[in-house]
C-alpha atoms as a PDB file:
ATOM      1  CA  MET A   1     102.293-195.091 -76.226  1.00  0.00           C
ATOM      2  CA  ALA A   2     103.119-196.445 -79.499  1.00  0.00           C
ATOM      3  CA  PRO A   3     106.574-195.613 -80.399  1.00  0.00           C
ATOM      4  CA  ASN A   4     105.774-194.545 -83.701  1.00  0.00           C
ATOM      5  CA  THR A   5     103.209-191.772 -82.891  1.00  0.00           C
ATOM      6  CA  ASP A   6     105.190-189.011 -83.556  1.00  0.00           C
ATOM      7  CA  ILE A   7     104.403-185.411 -81.690  1.00  0.00           C
ATOM      8  CA  ALA A   8     102.235-184.235 -84.333  1.00  0.00           C
ATOM      9  CA  THR A   9      99.952-187.132 -84.225  1.00  0.00           C
ATOM     10  CA  ARG A  10      99.798-186.614 -80.661  1.00  0.00           C
ATOM     11  CA  ALA A  11      98.715-183.534 -80.864  1.00  0.00           C
ATOM     12  CA  LEU A  12      95.912-184.384 -83.208  1.00  0.00           C
ATOM     13  CA  ILE A  13      94.813-186.812 -80.966  1.00  0.00           C
ATOM     14  CA  VAL A  14      94.680-184.590 -77.994  1.00  0.00           C
ATOM     15  CA  THR A  15      92.770-181.991 -80.344  1.00  0.00           C
ATOM     16  CA  LEU A  16      90.345-184.465 -81.503  1.00  0.00           C
ATOM     17  CA  LYS A  17      89.715-186.227 -78.219  1.00  0.00           C
ATOM     18  CA  SER A  18      89.121-182.804 -76.121  1.00  0.00           C
ATOM     19  CA  PRO A  19      85.277-181.966 -75.560  1.00  0.00           C
ATOM     20  CA  ILE A  20      85.648-178.755 -77.920  1.00  0.00           C
ATOM     21  CA  VAL A  21      86.177-181.109 -81.032  1.00  0.00           C
ATOM     22  CA  GLY A  22      83.903-183.928 -78.977  1.00  0.00           C
ATOM     23  CA  LYS A  23      85.320-186.842 -81.248  1.00  0.00           C
ATOM     24  CA  THR A  24      84.939-190.483 -80.263  1.00  0.00           C
ATOM     25  CA  THR A  25      87.885-192.900 -79.719  1.00  0.00           C
ATOM     26  CA  ALA A  26      86.981-194.989 -82.181  1.00  0.00           C
ATOM     27  CA  GLU A  27      86.452-192.072 -84.880  1.00  0.00           C
ATOM     28  CA  ILE A  28      90.181-191.097 -83.690  1.00  0.00           C
ATOM     29  CA  ALA A  29      91.026-194.482 -84.300  1.00  0.00           C
ATOM     30  CA  GLU A  30      89.431-195.016 -87.822  1.00  0.00           C
ATOM     31  CA  LYS A  31      90.969-191.651 -88.937  1.00  0.00           C
ATOM     32  CA  THR A  32      94.778-191.881 -87.537  1.00  0.00           C
ATOM     33  CA  GLY A  33      95.020-196.084 -87.826  1.00  0.00           C
ATOM     34  CA  LEU A  34      96.307-196.266 -84.172  1.00  0.00           C
ATOM     35  CA  PRO A  35      94.984-198.502 -81.534  1.00  0.00           C
ATOM     36  CA  LYS A  36      92.160-197.392 -79.037  1.00  0.00           C
ATOM     37  CA  ARG A  37      94.206-198.040 -76.143  1.00  0.00           C
ATOM     38  CA  THR A  38      97.391-195.985 -77.542  1.00  0.00           C
ATOM     39  CA  ILE A  39      94.516-193.259 -78.269  1.00  0.00           C
ATOM     40  CA  ASN A  40      93.289-193.268 -74.670  1.00  0.00           C
ATOM     41  CA  ALA A  41      96.754-193.569 -72.972  1.00  0.00           C
ATOM     42  CA  ILE A  42      97.922-190.575 -75.138  1.00  0.00           C
ATOM     43  CA  TYR A  43      95.008-188.113 -73.885  1.00  0.00           C
ATOM     44  CA  ALA A  44      95.490-189.341 -70.686  1.00  0.00           C
ATOM     45  CA  ARG A  45      99.262-188.531 -70.048  1.00  0.00           C
ATOM     46  CA  ALA A  46      98.397-185.275 -71.669  1.00  0.00           C
ATOM     47  CA  ILE A  47      95.963-184.664 -69.108  1.00  0.00           C
ATOM     48  CA  GLU A  48      98.825-185.821 -66.211  1.00  0.00           C
ATOM     49  CA  ARG A  49     101.127-183.529 -67.500  1.00  0.00           C
ATOM     50  CA  GLY A  50      98.788-180.532 -67.570  1.00  0.00           C
ATOM     51  CA  PHE A  51      96.615-180.082 -70.254  1.00  0.00           C
ATOM     52  CA  GLU A  52      92.890-178.777 -69.442  1.00  0.00           C
ATOM     53  CA  PRO A  53      90.442-180.134 -71.855  1.00  0.00           C
ATOM     54  CA  ASN A  54      87.891-177.785 -71.151  1.00  0.00           C
ATOM     55  CA  HIS A  55      89.661-174.269 -70.757  1.00  0.00           C
ATOM     56  CA  LEU A  56      89.147-172.053 -73.818  1.00  0.00           C
ATOM     57  CA  PRO A  57      91.108-171.337 -75.744  1.00  0.00           C
ATOM     58  CA  LEU A  58      92.811-174.697 -76.635  1.00  0.00           C
ATOM     59  CA  HIS A  59      96.339-174.813 -75.391  1.00  0.00           C
ATOM     60  CA  ILE A  60      98.728-177.854 -76.315  1.00  0.00           C
ATOM     61  CA  ARG A  61     102.366-178.057 -75.378  1.00  0.00           C
ATOM     62  CA  ASP A  62     105.322-179.922 -75.863  1.00  0.00           C
ATOM     63  CA  GLU A  63     105.788-181.004 -73.083  1.00  0.00           C
ATOM     64  CA  TRP A  64     102.630-182.654 -72.432  1.00  0.00           C
ATOM     65  CA  LEU A  65     102.813-184.800 -75.464  1.00  0.00           C
ATOM     66  CA  GLU A  66     106.395-185.266 -75.240  1.00  0.00           C
ATOM     67  CA  ASP A  67     108.121-188.973 -74.664  1.00  0.00           C
ATOM     68  CA  ALA A  68     109.048-189.701 -71.027  1.00  0.00           C
ATOM     69  CA  PRO A  69     112.622-190.183 -70.364  1.00  0.00           C
ATOM     70  CA  ARG A  70     113.824-193.710 -70.969  1.00  0.00           C
ATOM     71  CA  PRO A  71     114.971-195.779 -68.112  1.00  0.00           C
ATOM     72  CA  GLY A  72     118.661-197.234 -68.244  1.00  0.00           C
ATOM     73  CA  ARG A  73     121.796-197.171 -67.155  1.00  0.00           C
ATOM     74  CA  PRO A  74     123.523-193.370 -67.797  1.00  0.00           C
ATOM     75  CA  LYS A  75     126.039-192.935 -70.351  1.00  0.00           C
ATOM     76  CA  LYS A  76     130.008-193.472 -68.673  1.00  0.00           C
ATOM     77  CA  GLN A  77     131.221-191.403 -71.732  1.00  0.00           C
ATOM     78  CA  THR A  78     130.803-187.835 -71.446  1.00  0.00           C
ATOM     79  CA  GLU A  79     132.017-185.420 -74.152  1.00  0.00           C
ATOM     80  CA  GLU A  80     134.767-184.198 -73.271  1.00  0.00           C
ATOM     81  CA  LEU A  81     136.178-187.709 -73.090  1.00  0.00           C
ATOM     82  CA  SER A  82     134.890-188.157 -76.449  1.00  0.00           C
ATOM     83  CA  ASN A  83     136.600-185.357 -77.844  1.00  0.00           C
ATOM     84  CA  THR A  84     139.972-186.257 -76.194  1.00  0.00           C
ATOM     85  CA  VAL A  85     139.835-190.251 -77.659  1.00  0.00           C
ATOM     86  CA  LEU A  86     139.287-188.243 -81.125  1.00  0.00           C
ATOM     87  CA  ALA A  87     141.824-185.875 -80.766  1.00  0.00           C
ATOM     88  CA  LYS A  88     144.144-188.821 -79.776  1.00  0.00           C
ATOM     89  CA  VAL A  89     143.338-190.731 -83.086  1.00  0.00           C
ATOM     90  CA  ARG A  90     143.623-187.771 -85.533  1.00  0.00           C
ATOM     91  CA  GLN A  91     146.812-186.397 -83.659  1.00  0.00           C
ATOM     92  CA  ASP A  92     149.588-187.482 -86.467  1.00  0.00           C
ATOM     93  CA  GLN A  93     149.594-190.603 -88.981  1.00  0.00           C
ATOM     94  CA  TYR A  94     150.109-192.862 -86.479  1.00  0.00           C
ATOM     95  CA  GLY A  95     147.164-192.293 -84.176  1.00  0.00           C
ATOM     96  CA  ARG A  96     144.778-194.080 -86.902  1.00  0.00           C
ATOM     97  CA  LYS A  97     147.219-197.370 -86.265  1.00  0.00           C
ATOM     98  CA  LYS A  98     146.834-197.428 -82.707  1.00  0.00           C
ATOM     99  CA  THR A  99     144.509-199.879 -81.081  1.00  0.00           C
ATOM    100  CA  CYS A 100     142.113-199.366 -78.329  1.00  0.00           C
ATOM    101  CA  ALA A 101     144.301-200.540 -75.822  1.00  0.00           C
ATOM    102  CA  ASP A 102     147.055-198.354 -76.956  1.00  0.00           C
ATOM    103  CA  ILE A 103     144.678-195.225 -76.616  1.00  0.00           C
ATOM    104  CA  ALA A 104     143.163-196.431 -73.459  1.00  0.00           C
ATOM    105  CA  GLY A 105     146.510-196.703 -72.144  1.00  0.00           C
ATOM    106  CA  GLU A 106     147.568-193.180 -72.875  1.00  0.00           C
ATOM    107  CA  LEU A 107     144.367-191.595 -71.290  1.00  0.00           C
ATOM    108  CA  CYS A 108     145.209-193.746 -68.501  1.00  0.00           C
ATOM    109  CA  ARG A 109     148.941-192.132 -68.575  1.00  0.00           C
ATOM    110  CA  ASP A 110     147.184-188.928 -68.868  1.00  0.00           C
ATOM    111  CA  SER A 111     144.509-188.814 -65.900  1.00  0.00           C
END
């Protein structure tokens, strides 16, 4: 999917391409300015996720159109750790003068 297609555009594509409306991929590409390949990918992914194009009334859910989770390494820093670091910095007037090494050392001692 193109990175700049928002969920509303995807919903429009799925609606227009469904048999109820019956627009062709070329017509949708002309109206939206998206490549045909992107339109077909959006429609196919919606069907894979549970969209039923022949079911009346037509239902389109966000989970059928949302971005898939991105692969990658999970974050090491938790919300709790972020709050602890911010508390160390905001603690007093000297907190802002501490280096990263100072804060890391304090966190290691506190753990």
